[in-house]
Amino acid sequence: MREQAQAAPELDSRYGRTPKTGGRSWWLAGTIVALAAIAVAWYVWAGPGSAPPASSSVQATVSASQVTDQHHIGVTFTVSAPAGHQVACAVNAQSEDFTIVGWKIVLIPASDKQSRTVTQELRTTSLSTAGFVDSCWLT
């Protein structure tokens, strides 16, 4: 029995069964600090102050599209945007199989009105069936 008690520390040391030191706690603390720093950096970068205010949202609605000939279409749309801001809209024309056959970035000058109606003629590569406003944004 006594020989086993004396041999136990030697065997434990030989096979890596030594008492744990504080190394693991430092690793855990370092990981927690690093994750906290990443979370703070993300919050500063993408936090609540980075979203545009609700009043700056821009919406567009197509009211009509008129095919002029095989290579032209007129698209009439209404843009709702904050008064006093210039707006840009990406307008496109699509064929019967939904292929984009024409597009243009349309600049709408600033106005004291919130709602503006615009008619834009697009050149197309082939016959188009409808015109669409892809997106609009403040410039």
C-alpha atoms as a PDB file:
ATOM      1  CA  MET A   1       0.000   0.000   0.000  1.00  0.00           C
ATOM      2  CA  ARG A   2       2.776   2.341   0.904  1.00  0.00           C
ATOM      3  CA  GLU A   3       4.562   1.635  -2.356  1.00  0.00           C
ATOM      4  CA  GLN A   4       1.431   2.558  -4.311  1.00  0.00           C
ATOM      5  CA  ALA A   5       1.126   5.885  -2.475  1.00  0.00           C
ATOM      6  CA  GLN A   6       4.736   6.731  -3.268  1.00  0.00           C
ATOM      7  CA  ALA A   7       4.466   5.582  -6.851  1.00  0.00           C
ATOM      8  CA  ALA A   8       1.221   7.461  -7.475  1.00  0.00           C
ATOM      9  CA  PRO A   9       2.782  10.956  -7.754  1.00  0.00           C
ATOM     10  CA  GLU A  10       5.468   9.615 -10.078  1.00  0.00           C
ATOM     11  CA  LEU A  11       2.890   7.877 -12.282  1.00  0.00           C
ATOM     12  CA  ASP A  12       0.608  10.921 -12.230  1.00  0.00           C
ATOM     13  CA  SER A  13       3.490  13.126 -13.323  1.00  0.00           C
ATOM     14  CA  ARG A  14       4.582  10.640 -15.975  1.00  0.00           C
ATOM     15  CA  TYR A  15       1.100  10.426 -17.585  1.00  0.00           C
ATOM     16  CA  GLY A  16       0.116  14.083 -17.297  1.00  0.00           C
ATOM     17  CA  ARG A  17      -2.202  13.809 -14.321  1.00  0.00           C
ATOM     18  CA  THR A  18      -0.756  16.730 -12.416  1.00  0.00           C
ATOM     19  CA  PRO A  19      -2.873  19.261 -10.545  1.00  0.00           C
ATOM     20  CA  LYS A  20      -4.160  21.984 -12.862  1.00  0.00           C
ATOM     21  CA  THR A  21      -2.592  25.412 -12.675  1.00  0.00           C
ATOM     22  CA  GLY A  22      -4.174  28.795 -13.375  1.00  0.00           C
ATOM     23  CA  GLY A  23      -3.381  28.681 -17.118  1.00  0.00           C
ATOM     24  CA  ARG A  24      -6.892  27.677 -18.103  1.00  0.00           C
ATOM     25  CA  SER A  25      -8.489  30.530 -16.177  1.00  0.00           C
ATOM     26  CA  TRP A  26      -6.259  33.060 -17.981  1.00  0.00           C
ATOM     27  CA  TRP A  27      -7.242  31.584 -21.322  1.00  0.00           C
ATOM     28  CA  LEU A  28     -10.924  31.784 -20.423  1.00  0.00           C
ATOM     29  CA  ALA A  29     -10.611  35.383 -19.188  1.00  0.00           C
ATOM     30  CA  GLY A  30      -8.756  36.391 -22.352  1.00  0.00           C
ATOM     31  CA  THR A  31     -11.436  34.826 -24.538  1.00  0.00           C
ATOM     32  CA  ILE A  32     -14.200  36.656 -22.661  1.00  0.00           C
ATOM     33  CA  VAL A  33     -12.373  39.992 -22.964  1.00  0.00           C
ATOM     34  CA  ALA A  34     -11.812  39.458 -26.715  1.00  0.00           C
ATOM     35  CA  LEU A  35     -15.469  38.579 -27.316  1.00  0.00           C
ATOM     36  CA  ALA A  36     -16.586  41.619 -25.327  1.00  0.00           C
ATOM     37  CA  ALA A  37     -14.303  43.871 -27.401  1.00  0.00           C
ATOM     38  CA  ILE A  38     -15.727  42.424 -30.622  1.00  0.00           C
ATOM     39  CA  ALA A  39     -19.296  42.949 -29.377  1.00  0.00           C
ATOM     40  CA  VAL A  40     -18.588  46.582 -28.443  1.00  0.00           C
ATOM     41  CA  ALA A  41     -16.925  47.255 -31.808  1.00  0.00           C
ATOM     42  CA  TRP A  42     -19.880  45.742 -33.671  1.00  0.00           C
ATOM     43  CA  TYR A  43     -22.367  47.794 -31.629  1.00  0.00           C
ATOM     44  CA  VAL A  44     -20.485  51.011 -32.398  1.00  0.00           C
ATOM     45  CA  TRP A  45     -20.271  50.147 -36.111  1.00  0.00           C
ATOM     46  CA  ALA A  46     -23.838  48.840 -36.647  1.00  0.00           C
ATOM     47  CA  GLY A  47     -25.627  50.257 -33.649  1.00  0.00           C
ATOM     48  CA  PRO A  48     -28.877  52.165 -33.546  1.00  0.00           C
ATOM     49  CA  GLY A  49     -27.290  55.424 -34.709  1.00  0.00           C
ATOM     50  CA  SER A  50     -26.198  53.990 -38.068  1.00  0.00           C
ATOM     51  CA  ALA A  51     -29.693  53.405 -39.489  1.00  0.00           C
ATOM     52  CA  PRO A  52     -31.184  56.238 -41.524  1.00  0.00           C
ATOM     53  CA  PRO A  53     -34.068  58.018 -39.875  1.00  0.00           C
ATOM     54  CA  ALA A  54     -37.545  56.882 -40.884  1.00  0.00           C
ATOM     55  CA  SER A  55     -38.247  60.268 -42.474  1.00  0.00           C
ATOM     56  CA  SER A  56     -35.530  59.666 -45.093  1.00  0.00           C
ATOM     57  CA  SER A  57     -37.193  56.603 -46.604  1.00  0.00           C
ATOM     58  CA  VAL A  58     -37.927  56.769 -50.319  1.00  0.00           C
ATOM     59  CA  GLN A  59     -40.718  54.827 -52.014  1.00  0.00           C
ATOM     60  CA  ALA A  60     -41.709  54.583 -55.675  1.00  0.00           C
ATOM     61  CA  THR A  61     -44.840  53.260 -57.328  1.00  0.00           C
ATOM     62  CA  VAL A  62     -45.243  52.670 -61.061  1.00  0.00           C
ATOM     63  CA  SER A  63     -48.551  54.016 -62.316  1.00  0.00           C
ATOM     64  CA  ALA A  64     -48.173  53.272 -66.040  1.00  0.00           C
ATOM     65  CA  SER A  65     -45.846  51.964 -68.721  1.00  0.00           C
ATOM     66  CA  GLN A  66     -46.440  52.738 -72.379  1.00  0.00           C
ATOM     67  CA  VAL A  67     -44.628  50.824 -75.142  1.00  0.00           C
ATOM     68  CA  THR A  68     -43.772  53.402 -77.828  1.00  0.00           C
ATOM     69  CA  ASP A  69     -42.134  51.054 -80.330  1.00  0.00           C
ATOM     70  CA  GLN A  70     -39.875  47.996 -80.378  1.00  0.00           C
ATOM     71  CA  HIS A  71     -36.980  49.936 -78.824  1.00  0.00           C
ATOM     72  CA  HIS A  72     -38.673  52.450 -76.488  1.00  0.00           C
ATOM     73  CA  ILE A  73     -40.970  52.398 -73.462  1.00  0.00           C
ATOM     74  CA  GLY A  74     -42.252  55.214 -71.287  1.00  0.00           C
ATOM     75  CA  VAL A  75     -42.480  54.543 -67.550  1.00  0.00           C
ATOM     76  CA  THR A  76     -44.582  56.820 -65.326  1.00  0.00           C
ATOM     77  CA  PHE A  77     -43.967  56.537 -61.593  1.00  0.00           C
ATOM     78  CA  THR A  78     -44.559  58.469 -58.402  1.00  0.00           C
ATOM     79  CA  VAL A  79     -41.759  58.952 -55.891  1.00  0.00           C
ATOM     80  CA  SER A  80     -42.442  59.727 -52.232  1.00  0.00           C
ATOM     81  CA  ALA A  81     -39.389  61.283 -50.577  1.00  0.00           C
ATOM     82  CA  PRO A  82     -38.618  63.976 -48.018  1.00  0.00           C
ATOM     83  CA  ALA A  83     -39.152  67.466 -49.417  1.00  0.00           C
ATOM     84  CA  GLY A  84     -36.000  69.342 -50.390  1.00  0.00           C
ATOM     85  CA  HIS A  85     -33.957  66.260 -51.340  1.00  0.00           C
ATOM     86  CA  GLN A  86     -32.782  65.080 -54.754  1.00  0.00           C
ATOM     87  CA  VAL A  87     -33.686  61.463 -55.492  1.00  0.00           C
ATOM     88  CA  ALA A  88     -32.189  58.886 -57.864  1.00  0.00           C
ATOM     89  CA  CYS A  89     -34.171  55.887 -59.115  1.00  0.00           C
ATOM     90  CA  ALA A  90     -33.130  52.808 -61.064  1.00  0.00           C
ATOM     91  CA  VAL A  91     -35.804  52.233 -63.718  1.00  0.00           C
ATOM     92  CA  ASN A  92     -35.836  49.143 -65.924  1.00  0.00           C
ATOM     93  CA  ALA A  93     -37.846  47.622 -68.765  1.00  0.00           C
ATOM     94  CA  GLN A  94     -38.556  43.909 -69.001  1.00  0.00           C
ATOM     95  CA  SER A  95     -39.516  41.677 -71.882  1.00  0.00           C
ATOM     96  CA  GLU A  96     -42.246  39.060 -71.903  1.00  0.00           C
ATOM     97  CA  ASP A  97     -39.866  36.462 -70.407  1.00  0.00           C
ATOM     98  CA  PHE A  98     -38.854  38.879 -67.578  1.00  0.00           C
ATOM     99  CA  THR A  99     -35.450  39.652 -69.080  1.00  0.00           C
ATOM    100  CA  ILE A 100     -34.241  43.204 -68.463  1.00  0.00           C
ATOM    101  CA  VAL A 101     -33.998  44.797 -71.902  1.00  0.00           C
ATOM    102  CA  GLY A 102     -33.351  48.392 -70.817  1.00  0.00           C
ATOM    103  CA  TRP A 103     -32.515  50.417 -67.733  1.00  0.00           C
ATOM    104  CA  LYS A 104     -31.567  53.887 -66.627  1.00  0.00           C
ATOM    105  CA  ILE A 105     -30.697  55.798 -63.454  1.00  0.00           C
ATOM    106  CA  VAL A 106     -33.097  58.743 -63.286  1.00  0.00           C
ATOM    107  CA  LEU A 107     -32.194  61.836 -61.230  1.00  0.00           C
ATOM    108  CA  ILE A 108     -35.211  63.658 -59.813  1.00  0.00           C
ATOM    109  CA  PRO A 109     -34.413  67.201 -58.679  1.00  0.00           C
ATOM    110  CA  ALA A 110     -35.201  68.435 -55.189  1.00  0.00           C
ATOM    111  CA  SER A 111     -38.697  69.782 -54.707  1.00  0.00           C
ATOM    112  CA  ASP A 112     -40.727  71.348 -51.940  1.00  0.00           C
ATOM    113  CA  LYS A 113     -43.316  68.584 -52.465  1.00  0.00           C
ATOM    114  CA  GLN A 114     -43.003  65.176 -50.848  1.00  0.00           C
ATOM    115  CA  SER A 115     -44.604  63.322 -53.768  1.00  0.00           C
ATOM    116  CA  ARG A 116     -43.332  63.708 -57.350  1.00  0.00           C
ATOM    117  CA  THR A 117     -44.622  62.073 -60.550  1.00  0.00           C
ATOM    118  CA  VAL A 118     -42.094  61.421 -63.306  1.00  0.00           C
ATOM    119  CA  THR A 119     -42.362  59.960 -66.813  1.00  0.00           C
ATOM    120  CA  GLN A 120     -39.108  58.552 -68.193  1.00  0.00           C
ATOM    121  CA  GLU A 121     -38.556  57.065 -71.643  1.00  0.00           C
ATOM    122  CA  LEU A 122     -36.159  54.113 -71.806  1.00  0.00           C
ATOM    123  CA  ARG A 123     -34.334  52.732 -74.826  1.00  0.00           C
ATOM    124  CA  THR A 124     -34.570  48.955 -75.017  1.00  0.00           C
ATOM    125  CA  THR A 125     -32.641  46.257 -76.852  1.00  0.00           C
ATOM    126  CA  SER A 126     -35.844  44.461 -77.860  1.00  0.00           C
ATOM    127  CA  LEU A 127     -39.592  44.721 -77.386  1.00  0.00           C
ATOM    128  CA  SER A 128     -40.466  45.337 -73.738  1.00  0.00           C
ATOM    129  CA  THR A 129     -43.771  44.583 -72.086  1.00  0.00           C
ATOM    130  CA  ALA A 130     -43.523  46.541 -68.822  1.00  0.00           C
ATOM    131  CA  GLY A 131     -41.462  49.112 -66.969  1.00  0.00           C
ATOM    132  CA  PHE A 132     -40.469  48.935 -63.321  1.00  0.00           C
ATOM    133  CA  VAL A 133     -38.719  51.029 -60.666  1.00  0.00           C
ATOM    134  CA  ASP A 134     -36.100  48.774 -59.090  1.00  0.00           C
ATOM    135  CA  SER A 135     -35.096  51.089 -56.235  1.00  0.00           C
ATOM    136  CA  CYS A 136     -34.805  54.751 -55.250  1.00  0.00           C
ATOM    137  CA  TRP A 137     -32.463  56.549 -52.861  1.00  0.00           C
ATOM    138  CA  LEU A 138     -31.588  60.052 -51.671  1.00  0.00           C
ATOM    139  CA  THR A 139     -28.609  61.669 -53.367  1.00  0.00           C
END
